[in-house]
Amino acid sequence: MNKLKLIVLLGVFASYTTSCSVQNNVVKTPSTKNPTKPINNTTPPKAPVVTTKPTTGTTASTEDNFRTNLPEIKREFRGAWIASVANINWPSRNDLTVEQQKAEAISMLDMLRDNNFNAAIFQIRPSADALYTSNIEPWSYFLTGETGKAPSPNYDPLQFWIEEAHKRGLELHVWLNPYRAHHTNGGAVNNLSMANKLSDIVLKLKNGMYWFDPANPKTQGHVSNVVRDIVKRYDIDAVHFDDYFYPYATYNRGADFPDNATWNAYVNSGGTLSRADWRRDNVNKFVERIYKEIHAEKNNVRFGISPFGIWKPGYPAGVVGSSQYDELYADAKLWLNKGWVDYFSPQLYWPIDSKGQSFEALLSWWQSENTMNRHLWPGLNTVEIKVSDRPTEIKNQIAISRNILKNDAGEIHWSIAGLTKNPNMLPALKNGPYSEKALVPKSPWIKTVPLQTPTLFIADNGSFTQTSWSTKNAADVFQWVLFTQYNGVWQTEILTLDTLSKDIPKFKDGKKLSAVAIKAIDRLGNESDYTARKIK
């Protein structure tokens, strides 16, 4: 009987031990195969990944979250061209040290940020050369004083410009000249120059310039490879072409462009277009190809062109001057009509009251041709427009642009030197049209994945409300917009990506802080939904 009792007791103990072991395993050993998969339908969703550690005492409680009507965020594209060809803007000389180059770049970017610009249009390929690390084309003469010579110590100027621009909340657009193979100011043509390496598709003009033949398929393939290489390897915001397609007639001293070989080949193959239409067709196909290839590589990278400001004399009525359609074989109107650009910046470099090139008439005409509703941001001749008072003229041109372009306003200033060399220009802009920061206008035809709503953390910090925020998809965020409400009135502030917290005064100008809200902004200016919280 005692033995039987002992066996029963041992069995009960073993059963209890096994049960405890199973329970311990359930608690201590969660699933490792798919840790994010809920165990059952009642498991609450995981909280968003916090990209900054909240200050002790902060809370993400939703008790005080609320819905409201936030004010519209101001939008306007404000860019400046930064030319490297002939050392026009950067670097100022081709014998600067790397540290001097960097210091000049930072000074320019600081100036743009401090004066409420939001984009730099940086020339990285002035003439089949590179101000970036490339296995396709040589280092630029304008960077180091010798074609093919790397900076010393070696660094990547484009990568530096991208990082420094983005730190300041500025877009970085890379500006390429598609067809120029060598510039007369570009030093000697050496064995690393593309004018030598691709001599079978390069033509020498009478002014000493070398030009790729736009009709040659090898030209189009080469430039396409250059563009795709840049888009693939660099975190840029846009690719930008200027107004040089077939060269201006003066480059060949009035003689016709020397493309007899490709023209004869076209005719002999049964081609039926006139020579002028054939040239335009070459450029049209190239522009369409580049636009599609950029978006195939990275959909969020935009493509912009800044053509000569006049399509043809007489368009609109009363306009006189050079015809890009007939001289450069650039049918820029077609590219805009077809939507082969994301933004279009005709170079309207004449005064408002110019008799044959009215600024307002030309911009209105281009707007009437913008049938695909792309961005239309005119180029302004800030550096040398022929008027007695340039700052006032530029301010007035911005006012006219805003009136014509409405909610999709913007402009690009030629060039950054026009902002720095005239002591009155920047004050006129910052105290006038650029008094507040602005986001770039959205590009609704480019489809993207919406940003997730940020999480907002609030903590008391004496006379301040300590506010911080985070989001799960921080890699897709470019900027933040912080909203603060005092006595029922909202104010907005555009912040850089690395700004993840802010001490907000509880009282300002005698008014009490009552609410805070935050939105994330992506690379195309799209807004996330907001989180708004009341402040007690």
Protein backbone atom coordinates (compact mmCIF):
# COMPACT_ATOMS: atom_id res chain seq x y z
CA MET A 1 0.00 0.00 0.00
CA ASN A 2 2.86 2.37 0.86
CA LYS A 3 4.53 1.53 -2.44
CA LEU A 4 1.31 2.31 -4.33
CA LYS A 5 1.00 5.70 -2.62
CA LEU A 6 4.59 6.47 -3.51
CA ILE A 7 4.06 5.67 -7.23
CA VAL A 8 0.92 7.86 -7.36
CA LEU A 9 2.74 10.73 -5.70
CA LEU A 10 5.68 10.42 -8.08
CA GLY A 11 3.30 10.45 -11.06
CA VAL A 12 1.56 13.60 -9.86
CA PHE A 13 4.93 15.34 -9.32
CA ALA A 14 6.17 14.36 -12.81
CA SER A 15 2.96 15.65 -14.41
CA TYR A 16 3.28 18.97 -12.54
CA THR A 17 6.93 19.31 -13.56
CA THR A 18 6.13 18.68 -17.23
CA SER A 19 3.30 21.22 -17.13
CA CYS A 20 5.56 23.87 -15.63
CA SER A 21 8.25 23.14 -18.21
CA VAL A 22 5.80 23.62 -21.11
CA GLN A 23 4.49 26.87 -19.66
CA ASN A 24 8.02 28.18 -19.17
CA ASN A 25 8.87 27.37 -22.75
CA VAL A 26 5.85 29.32 -24.00
CA VAL A 27 6.93 32.40 -22.08
CA LYS A 28 10.66 32.24 -22.66
CA THR A 29 10.79 31.03 -26.26
CA PRO A 30 8.67 33.14 -28.64
CA SER A 31 8.57 32.18 -32.28
CA THR A 32 11.84 32.98 -34.05
CA LYS A 33 10.70 32.05 -37.53
CA ASN A 34 8.44 35.06 -37.93
CA PRO A 35 8.73 37.33 -34.90
CA THR A 36 6.39 39.97 -36.35
CA LYS A 37 3.51 37.55 -36.93
CA PRO A 38 0.81 37.89 -34.25
CA ILE A 39 0.05 34.74 -32.21
CA ASN A 40 -3.69 35.33 -32.59
CA ASN A 41 -6.13 37.90 -33.88
CA THR A 42 -6.34 39.68 -30.53
CA THR A 43 -2.64 40.59 -30.44
CA PRO A 44 -2.30 44.40 -30.71
CA PRO A 45 -0.22 45.79 -33.59
CA LYS A 46 3.38 46.63 -32.88
CA ALA A 47 4.20 50.26 -32.19
CA PRO A 48 6.08 52.17 -34.92
CA VAL A 49 9.86 51.91 -34.80
CA VAL A 50 11.16 54.97 -32.97
CA THR A 51 14.08 56.56 -34.78
CA THR A 52 15.00 58.82 -31.86
CA LYS A 53 15.00 57.97 -28.19
CA PRO A 54 12.26 59.93 -26.41
CA THR A 55 13.31 62.03 -23.45
CA THR A 56 12.49 60.53 -20.06
CA GLY A 57 8.91 61.34 -19.19
CA THR A 58 7.71 61.68 -22.77
CA THR A 59 4.62 59.84 -23.87
CA ALA A 60 3.06 58.80 -27.15
CA SER A 61 -0.36 58.41 -25.54
CA THR A 62 -3.20 58.93 -27.97
CA GLU A 63 -5.47 60.43 -25.30
CA ASP A 64 -4.91 63.97 -26.52
CA ASN A 65 -4.64 63.23 -30.25
CA PHE A 66 -7.25 65.03 -32.30
CA ARG A 67 -8.24 65.89 -35.87
CA THR A 68 -8.17 69.47 -37.07
CA ASN A 69 -7.78 71.67 -40.14
CA LEU A 70 -4.11 72.47 -40.54
CA PRO A 71 -3.06 75.39 -42.73
CA GLU A 72 -1.76 74.83 -46.25
CA ILE A 73 2.03 74.66 -46.41
CA LYS A 74 3.59 77.33 -48.62
CA ARG A 75 4.98 75.89 -51.85
CA GLU A 76 7.25 77.36 -54.50
CA PHE A 77 10.30 76.06 -56.34
CA ARG A 78 13.30 78.31 -55.68
CA GLY A 79 16.47 77.18 -57.40
CA ALA A 80 19.81 78.59 -58.50
CA TRP A 81 22.12 77.36 -61.25
CA ILE A 82 25.69 76.64 -60.15
CA ALA A 83 27.89 76.43 -63.25
CA SER A 84 31.23 74.62 -63.35
CA VAL A 85 32.00 75.23 -67.04
CA ALA A 86 34.82 77.78 -67.42
CA ASN A 87 34.80 77.96 -63.59
CA ILE A 88 31.86 80.38 -63.74
CA ASN A 89 30.59 79.58 -60.23
CA TRP A 90 32.15 76.46 -58.69
CA PRO A 91 34.95 75.83 -58.24
CA SER A 92 35.96 79.44 -58.73
CA ARG A 93 39.34 78.25 -60.05
CA ASN A 94 40.63 74.90 -61.27
CA ASP A 95 43.63 74.93 -58.92
CA LEU A 96 41.82 75.09 -55.56
CA THR A 97 42.65 72.56 -52.87
CA VAL A 98 39.97 70.04 -51.93
CA GLU A 99 39.35 71.92 -48.69
CA GLN A 100 38.94 75.18 -50.58
CA GLN A 101 36.49 73.51 -52.98
CA LYS A 102 34.46 72.18 -50.05
CA ALA A 103 34.47 75.54 -48.29
CA GLU A 104 33.16 77.28 -51.42
CA ALA A 105 30.41 74.68 -51.79
CA ILE A 106 29.32 74.97 -48.16
CA SER A 107 29.28 78.77 -48.39
CA MET A 108 26.95 78.59 -51.41
CA LEU A 109 24.64 76.02 -49.84
CA ASP A 110 24.49 77.95 -46.57
CA MET A 111 23.57 81.07 -48.50
CA LEU A 112 20.75 79.27 -50.33
CA ARG A 113 19.38 77.78 -47.11
CA ASP A 114 19.61 81.03 -45.15
CA ASN A 115 17.70 82.89 -47.86
CA ASN A 116 14.89 80.33 -48.10
CA PHE A 117 15.80 78.68 -51.40
CA ASN A 118 15.05 74.96 -51.69
CA ALA A 119 17.13 73.67 -54.63
CA ALA A 120 20.59 73.84 -56.18
CA ILE A 121 21.04 73.05 -59.90
CA PHE A 122 24.67 71.88 -59.92
CA GLN A 123 26.56 71.36 -63.19
CA ILE A 124 28.41 68.05 -62.96
CA ARG A 125 29.06 67.37 -66.68
CA PRO A 126 29.96 70.57 -68.55
CA SER A 127 31.51 68.87 -71.60
CA ALA A 128 31.72 65.08 -71.62
CA ASP A 129 33.65 65.19 -68.36
CA ALA A 130 32.83 64.55 -64.73
CA LEU A 131 32.77 66.38 -61.43
CA TYR A 132 32.05 63.01 -59.86
CA THR A 133 33.64 59.56 -59.80
CA SER A 134 33.00 57.98 -63.21
CA ASN A 135 34.22 54.98 -65.14
CA ILE A 136 32.64 56.36 -68.32
CA GLU A 137 34.10 59.89 -68.66
CA PRO A 138 37.23 61.61 -67.30
CA TRP A 139 37.60 64.02 -64.39
CA SER A 140 36.85 67.57 -65.48
CA TYR A 141 39.54 70.09 -66.37
CA PHE A 142 37.46 72.67 -64.51
CA LEU A 143 37.92 70.71 -61.28
CA THR A 144 41.65 69.91 -61.31
CA GLY A 145 43.21 71.81 -64.23
CA GLU A 146 43.78 68.69 -66.34
CA THR A 147 41.26 66.43 -68.04
CA GLY A 148 41.36 63.02 -66.36
CA LYS A 149 43.26 64.18 -63.26
CA ALA A 150 41.57 63.17 -60.01
CA PRO A 151 41.27 65.51 -57.01
CA SER A 152 44.01 65.09 -54.41
CA PRO A 153 43.26 63.87 -51.87
CA ASN A 154 40.63 62.05 -53.89
CA TYR A 155 36.99 62.67 -53.06
CA ASP A 156 33.68 62.68 -54.89
CA PRO A 157 32.45 66.27 -55.33
CA LEU A 158 28.94 65.21 -56.34
CA GLN A 159 28.52 62.99 -53.29
CA PHE A 160 29.74 65.87 -51.13
CA TRP A 161 27.27 68.31 -52.71
CA ILE A 162 24.37 65.86 -52.32
CA GLU A 163 25.06 65.22 -48.64
CA GLU A 164 25.60 68.89 -47.78
CA ALA A 165 22.53 70.02 -49.75
CA HIS A 166 20.26 67.44 -48.15
CA LYS A 167 21.53 68.31 -44.67
CA ARG A 168 20.22 71.81 -45.30
CA GLY A 169 16.86 70.70 -46.68
CA LEU A 170 17.87 71.60 -50.25
CA GLU A 171 17.22 69.46 -53.32
CA LEU A 172 20.25 68.71 -55.49
CA HIS A 173 19.59 68.61 -59.25
CA VAL A 174 22.46 67.43 -61.45
CA TRP A 175 22.92 69.55 -64.55
CA LEU A 176 24.42 67.90 -67.62
CA ASN A 177 25.24 69.30 -71.04
CA PRO A 178 24.25 66.37 -73.28
CA TYR A 179 26.12 67.04 -76.55
CA ARG A 180 29.14 69.26 -75.87
CA ALA A 181 32.28 67.10 -76.02
CA HIS A 182 34.94 69.74 -75.29
CA HIS A 183 34.81 73.41 -74.37
CA THR A 184 37.24 75.99 -75.71
CA ASN A 185 38.05 76.94 -72.10
CA GLY A 186 38.63 73.32 -71.18
CA GLY A 187 42.38 73.13 -71.73
CA ALA A 188 44.17 70.85 -74.16
CA VAL A 189 42.42 67.88 -75.70
CA ASN A 190 44.45 64.98 -74.30
CA ASN A 191 44.27 61.23 -74.71
CA LEU A 192 41.67 60.95 -71.93
CA SER A 193 39.32 63.52 -73.49
CA MET A 194 36.14 62.09 -74.97
CA ALA A 195 36.83 64.21 -78.08
CA ASN A 196 39.68 61.75 -78.70
CA LYS A 197 38.26 58.58 -77.19
CA LEU A 198 35.01 58.89 -79.18
CA SER A 199 36.43 60.72 -82.19
CA ASP A 200 34.20 58.72 -84.54
CA ILE A 201 31.07 60.47 -83.23
CA VAL A 202 32.58 63.87 -82.32
CA LEU A 203 32.78 66.85 -84.70
CA LYS A 204 35.03 69.89 -84.35
CA LEU A 205 33.34 73.27 -84.83
CA LYS A 206 34.99 76.40 -86.22
CA ASN A 207 35.12 78.14 -82.83
CA GLY A 208 37.22 75.31 -81.37
CA MET A 209 34.40 73.46 -79.62
CA TYR A 210 33.90 69.71 -80.07
CA TRP A 211 30.32 68.43 -80.39
CA PHE A 212 28.78 64.98 -80.37
CA ASP A 213 26.72 64.26 -83.46
CA PRO A 214 23.14 64.03 -82.11
CA ALA A 215 22.11 61.85 -85.08
CA ASN A 216 24.59 59.10 -84.31
CA PRO A 217 23.04 56.24 -82.30
CA LYS A 218 26.37 55.88 -80.48
CA THR A 219 25.99 59.43 -79.18
CA GLN A 220 22.54 58.72 -77.82
CA GLY A 221 23.72 55.45 -76.28
CA HIS A 222 26.75 57.07 -74.66
CA VAL A 223 24.82 59.95 -73.07
CA SER A 224 22.09 57.55 -71.98
CA ASN A 225 24.71 55.41 -70.21
CA VAL A 226 26.10 58.49 -68.46
CA VAL A 227 22.68 59.57 -67.22
CA ARG A 228 21.62 56.11 -66.04
CA ASP A 229 24.95 55.63 -64.26
CA ILE A 230 24.45 58.86 -62.29
CA VAL A 231 20.81 58.13 -61.46
CA LYS A 232 21.65 54.59 -60.32
CA ARG A 233 24.62 55.45 -58.10
CA TYR A 234 23.71 58.80 -56.56
CA ASP A 235 20.88 59.97 -54.32
CA ILE A 236 19.98 62.92 -56.56
CA ASP A 237 16.63 64.67 -56.82
CA ALA A 238 16.60 65.45 -60.54
CA VAL A 239 18.53 65.40 -63.83
CA HIS A 240 18.68 68.74 -65.65
CA PHE A 241 19.57 69.60 -69.28
CA ASP A 242 20.18 73.16 -70.44
CA ASP A 243 19.53 74.80 -73.82
CA TYR A 244 22.42 73.33 -75.84
CA PHE A 245 21.18 70.67 -78.25
CA TYR A 246 22.48 71.20 -81.78
CA PRO A 247 24.92 74.10 -81.25
CA TYR A 248 24.18 77.77 -81.82
CA ALA A 249 25.13 78.85 -85.35
CA THR A 250 27.84 81.20 -84.06
CA TYR A 251 29.75 78.18 -82.75
CA ASN A 252 30.41 77.14 -86.33
CA ARG A 253 30.75 80.75 -87.55
CA GLY A 254 27.45 80.60 -89.37
CA ALA A 255 28.24 77.43 -91.32
CA ASP A 256 25.84 74.52 -91.20
CA PHE A 257 26.44 71.78 -88.63
CA PRO A 258 28.91 69.29 -90.20
CA ASP A 259 26.81 66.12 -90.01
CA ASN A 260 27.09 65.05 -93.65
CA ALA A 261 28.08 61.49 -92.81
CA THR A 262 25.02 60.67 -90.71
CA TRP A 263 22.71 62.68 -92.98
CA ASN A 264 23.89 60.82 -96.08
CA ALA A 265 23.53 57.50 -94.28
CA TYR A 266 19.95 58.44 -93.38
CA VAL A 267 19.08 59.45 -96.95
CA ASN A 268 20.72 56.32 -98.40
CA SER A 269 18.71 54.16 -96.03
CA GLY A 270 15.48 55.57 -97.47
CA GLY A 271 14.86 58.39 -94.98
CA THR A 272 12.26 60.89 -96.15
CA LEU A 273 12.39 63.72 -93.61
CA SER A 274 13.91 67.07 -94.49
CA ARG A 275 17.32 67.67 -92.95
CA ALA A 276 15.88 70.09 -90.35
CA ASP A 277 13.04 67.71 -89.41
CA TRP A 278 15.50 64.83 -89.23
CA ARG A 279 17.68 66.77 -86.79
CA ARG A 280 14.70 67.65 -84.64
CA ASP A 281 13.55 64.05 -84.74
CA ASN A 282 16.96 62.93 -83.43
CA VAL A 283 16.64 65.23 -80.42
CA ASN A 284 12.97 64.40 -79.82
CA LYS A 285 13.68 60.68 -79.61
CA PHE A 286 16.62 61.34 -77.31
CA VAL A 287 14.61 63.52 -74.89
CA GLU A 288 11.80 60.98 -74.70
CA ARG A 289 14.30 58.16 -74.15
CA ILE A 290 16.11 59.98 -71.31
CA TYR A 291 12.84 60.84 -69.56
CA LYS A 292 11.62 57.25 -69.65
CA GLU A 293 14.98 55.75 -68.65
CA ILE A 294 15.34 58.02 -65.62
CA HIS A 295 11.94 57.01 -64.30
CA ALA A 296 12.57 53.34 -65.06
CA GLU A 297 15.73 53.49 -62.94
CA LYS A 298 14.33 55.58 -60.07
CA ASN A 299 10.77 56.82 -60.37
CA ASN A 300 11.24 59.61 -57.83
CA VAL A 301 14.08 61.28 -59.78
CA ARG A 302 12.67 64.08 -61.94
CA PHE A 303 13.85 65.27 -65.34
CA GLY A 304 14.00 68.98 -66.13
CA ILE A 305 15.02 70.99 -69.20
CA SER A 306 15.75 74.71 -69.43
CA PRO A 307 15.38 75.54 -73.13
CA PHE A 308 16.01 78.89 -74.79
CA GLY A 309 13.08 81.15 -73.91
CA ILE A 310 11.71 81.58 -77.45
CA TRP A 311 10.34 78.58 -79.33
CA LYS A 312 9.93 80.48 -82.61
CA PRO A 313 9.61 84.18 -83.42
CA GLY A 314 5.94 85.10 -83.52
CA TYR A 315 5.01 82.70 -80.68
CA PRO A 316 3.31 84.51 -79.09
CA ALA A 317 2.53 87.38 -81.46
CA GLY A 318 5.04 90.20 -81.28
CA VAL A 319 7.96 88.07 -80.10
CA VAL A 320 11.16 88.42 -82.10
CA GLY A 321 14.60 86.85 -81.71
CA SER A 322 16.40 83.57 -82.27
CA SER A 323 14.45 80.41 -83.04
CA GLN A 324 15.53 77.36 -81.09
CA TYR A 325 13.23 75.31 -83.32
CA ASP A 326 15.18 76.31 -86.46
CA GLU A 327 18.67 76.94 -85.08
CA LEU A 328 19.11 74.41 -82.25
CA TYR A 329 16.68 71.91 -83.81
CA ALA A 330 15.02 71.78 -80.39
CA ASP A 331 11.25 71.36 -80.57
CA ALA A 332 10.87 72.28 -76.90
CA LYS A 333 7.13 72.90 -77.28
CA LEU A 334 6.66 69.27 -78.32
CA TRP A 335 8.50 67.98 -75.24
CA LEU A 336 6.25 70.04 -73.00
CA ASN A 337 3.11 69.02 -74.95
CA LYS A 338 4.08 65.35 -74.67
CA GLY A 339 4.99 65.51 -70.97
CA TRP A 340 8.55 64.25 -71.53
CA VAL A 341 9.74 66.45 -68.69
CA ASP A 342 8.79 66.79 -65.03
CA TYR A 343 9.70 70.45 -64.98
CA PHE A 344 10.35 72.98 -67.69
CA SER A 345 12.37 76.17 -67.19
CA PRO A 346 12.44 78.34 -70.32
CA GLN A 347 15.21 80.90 -70.04
CA LEU A 348 13.23 84.15 -69.97
CA TYR A 349 16.23 86.41 -69.65
CA TRP A 350 14.58 89.66 -70.80
CA PRO A 351 13.03 92.53 -68.84
CA ILE A 352 9.32 92.74 -68.23
CA ASP A 353 8.99 95.72 -70.58
CA SER A 354 11.17 94.28 -73.36
CA LYS A 355 9.42 95.15 -76.63
CA GLY A 356 10.14 91.97 -78.59
CA GLN A 357 10.56 89.50 -75.72
CA SER A 358 7.92 90.34 -73.12
CA PHE A 359 8.54 88.27 -69.97
CA GLU A 360 4.85 88.03 -69.14
CA ALA A 361 3.74 87.24 -72.70
CA LEU A 362 6.35 84.50 -73.13
CA LEU A 363 5.61 82.84 -69.77
CA SER A 364 1.86 82.95 -70.49
CA TRP A 365 2.45 81.36 -73.90
CA TRP A 366 4.54 78.54 -72.43
CA GLN A 367 1.84 78.02 -69.81
CA SER A 368 -0.77 77.72 -72.58
CA GLU A 369 1.35 74.93 -74.11
CA ASN A 370 1.67 73.07 -70.80
CA THR A 371 -1.11 70.66 -71.71
CA MET A 372 0.23 67.85 -69.48
CA ASN A 373 0.38 70.13 -66.42
CA ARG A 374 4.07 69.69 -65.74
CA HIS A 375 5.96 72.15 -63.56
CA LEU A 376 6.74 75.39 -65.41
CA TRP A 377 9.42 77.33 -63.52
CA PRO A 378 11.04 80.07 -65.65
CA GLY A 379 14.74 80.84 -65.63
CA LEU A 380 15.44 84.42 -64.51
CA ASN A 381 18.51 86.40 -65.57
CA THR A 382 19.40 87.50 -62.06
CA VAL A 383 23.06 88.04 -62.88
CA GLU A 384 22.89 90.46 -65.81
CA ILE A 385 19.38 91.38 -66.89
CA LYS A 386 19.58 94.70 -68.72
CA VAL A 387 17.77 97.04 -66.30
CA SER A 388 18.95 99.76 -63.93
CA ASP A 389 17.51 98.09 -60.80
CA ARG A 390 17.98 94.32 -61.01
CA PRO A 391 16.61 93.39 -57.56
CA THR A 392 13.32 95.19 -58.20
CA GLU A 393 13.06 93.67 -61.70
CA ILE A 394 13.60 90.15 -60.38
CA LYS A 395 11.09 90.68 -57.57
CA ASN A 396 8.53 91.87 -60.13
CA GLN A 397 9.21 88.88 -62.40
CA ILE A 398 8.59 86.55 -59.43
CA ALA A 399 5.31 88.37 -58.75
CA ILE A 400 4.23 87.95 -62.39
CA SER A 401 5.21 84.26 -62.32
CA ARG A 402 3.16 83.67 -59.19
CA ASN A 403 0.16 85.35 -60.78
CA ILE A 404 0.40 83.19 -63.91
CA LEU A 405 1.45 79.88 -62.31
CA LYS A 406 -0.77 80.09 -59.18
CA ASN A 407 -0.18 77.12 -56.85
CA ASP A 408 2.66 75.67 -58.94
CA ALA A 409 4.93 78.71 -58.88
CA GLY A 410 8.72 78.65 -59.00
CA GLU A 411 11.81 79.95 -60.73
CA ILE A 412 15.50 79.25 -61.22
CA HIS A 413 18.03 82.06 -60.94
CA TRP A 414 20.84 82.38 -63.45
CA SER A 415 23.11 82.16 -61.69
CA ILE A 416 24.16 81.92 -58.08
CA ALA A 417 26.58 84.77 -58.84
CA GLY A 418 23.61 87.04 -59.43
CA LEU A 419 22.59 86.43 -55.83
CA THR A 420 26.02 87.02 -54.30
CA LYS A 421 27.61 89.76 -56.41
CA ASN A 422 24.76 92.27 -56.17
CA PRO A 423 24.60 93.35 -52.49
CA ASN A 424 20.93 94.28 -52.77
CA MET A 425 19.65 91.11 -54.44
CA LEU A 426 19.42 88.70 -51.51
CA PRO A 427 17.94 91.27 -49.09
CA ALA A 428 15.33 92.17 -51.72
CA LEU A 429 14.35 88.51 -52.05
CA LYS A 430 14.43 87.54 -48.38
CA ASN A 431 12.58 90.64 -47.25
CA GLY A 432 10.12 90.20 -50.09
CA PRO A 433 8.98 87.08 -51.97
CA TYR A 434 11.26 84.66 -50.08
CA SER A 435 10.44 85.86 -46.56
CA GLU A 436 9.25 82.36 -45.59
CA LYS A 437 10.56 78.91 -46.37
CA ALA A 438 8.58 76.88 -48.90
CA LEU A 439 8.25 73.25 -49.92
CA VAL A 440 8.65 72.38 -53.58
CA PRO A 441 5.33 71.84 -55.41
CA LYS A 442 4.08 68.25 -55.62
CA SER A 443 4.44 66.17 -58.79
CA PRO A 444 1.12 64.28 -58.83
CA TRP A 445 1.82 62.41 -62.10
CA ILE A 446 4.68 60.54 -60.35
CA LYS A 447 3.10 57.74 -58.32
CA THR A 448 4.70 56.92 -54.96
CA VAL A 449 3.92 54.94 -51.82
CA PRO A 450 2.38 57.30 -49.24
CA LEU A 451 4.41 58.08 -46.15
CA GLN A 452 3.23 56.68 -42.83
CA THR A 453 1.90 59.01 -40.17
CA PRO A 454 4.62 60.12 -37.72
CA THR A 455 4.39 59.42 -33.99
CA LEU A 456 4.46 62.46 -31.72
CA PHE A 457 5.92 62.53 -28.20
CA ILE A 458 5.19 65.32 -25.73
CA ALA A 459 6.86 66.10 -22.39
CA ASP A 460 6.76 68.99 -19.96
CA ASN A 461 10.02 70.90 -19.67
CA GLY A 462 9.25 73.85 -17.45
CA SER A 463 8.46 76.85 -19.61
CA PHE A 464 8.75 74.69 -22.73
CA THR A 465 6.88 71.73 -24.16
CA GLN A 466 9.49 69.24 -25.26
CA THR A 467 8.31 67.69 -28.53
CA SER A 468 9.89 64.85 -30.49
CA TRP A 469 8.72 62.66 -33.34
CA SER A 470 9.60 59.60 -35.34
CA THR A 471 8.28 57.47 -38.15
CA LYS A 472 8.56 53.88 -39.23
CA ASN A 473 9.75 54.67 -42.78
CA ALA A 474 12.29 57.39 -41.99
CA ALA A 475 14.37 56.43 -45.06
CA ASP A 476 11.61 57.82 -47.29
CA VAL A 477 11.34 61.14 -45.43
CA PHE A 478 13.07 64.28 -46.73
CA GLN A 479 11.74 66.96 -44.37
CA TRP A 480 9.26 67.56 -41.56
CA VAL A 481 6.65 70.23 -41.09
CA LEU A 482 5.92 71.21 -37.50
CA PHE A 483 2.66 72.99 -36.68
CA THR A 484 2.19 74.92 -33.44
CA GLN A 485 -1.07 76.49 -32.31
CA TYR A 486 -1.20 79.55 -30.07
CA ASN A 487 -4.61 80.87 -29.01
CA GLY A 488 -6.24 78.91 -31.84
CA VAL A 489 -3.94 80.16 -34.62
CA TRP A 490 -1.63 77.67 -36.37
CA GLN A 491 1.94 78.46 -37.40
CA THR A 492 4.14 76.25 -39.62
CA GLU A 493 7.83 75.52 -39.66
CA ILE A 494 9.73 73.45 -42.25
CA LEU A 495 12.49 71.39 -40.64
CA THR A 496 15.39 69.31 -41.97
CA LEU A 497 15.33 65.53 -41.78
CA ASP A 498 17.79 65.33 -38.88
CA THR A 499 15.65 67.61 -36.70
CA LEU A 500 13.73 65.13 -34.56
CA SER A 501 12.85 67.22 -31.53
CA LYS A 502 12.15 70.79 -30.52
CA ASP A 503 11.51 72.72 -27.32
CA ILE A 504 8.40 74.78 -27.98
CA PRO A 505 7.72 77.75 -25.69
CA LYS A 506 4.43 77.44 -23.80
CA PHE A 507 3.84 81.16 -24.22
CA LYS A 508 4.77 83.38 -27.16
CA ASP A 509 3.85 87.05 -27.56
CA GLY A 510 1.44 86.64 -24.67
CA LYS A 511 -0.34 83.72 -26.35
CA LYS A 512 -0.62 80.21 -24.92
CA LEU A 513 0.47 77.04 -26.74
CA SER A 514 -2.60 74.86 -27.16
CA ALA A 515 -1.64 72.18 -29.73
CA VAL A 516 1.22 70.69 -31.74
CA ALA A 517 1.12 68.67 -34.99
CA ILE A 518 3.71 67.02 -37.22
CA LYS A 519 3.80 65.83 -40.85
CA ALA A 520 6.49 64.02 -42.81
CA ILE A 521 7.40 65.20 -46.34
CA ASP A 522 8.85 62.86 -48.97
CA ARG A 523 11.37 63.50 -51.77
CA LEU A 524 8.64 64.75 -54.11
CA GLY A 525 7.05 67.14 -51.66
CA ASN A 526 4.18 64.80 -50.79
CA GLU A 527 2.80 65.07 -47.26
CA SER A 528 1.99 62.27 -44.85
CA ASP A 529 -1.09 62.40 -42.71
CA TYR A 530 -0.51 64.35 -39.52
CA THR A 531 -0.52 63.62 -35.81
CA ALA A 532 -1.90 66.47 -33.72
CA ARG A 533 -1.94 66.63 -29.92
CA LYS A 534 -3.49 69.05 -27.50
CA ILE A 535 -1.27 70.69 -24.91
CA LYS A 536 -2.73 71.03 -21.44
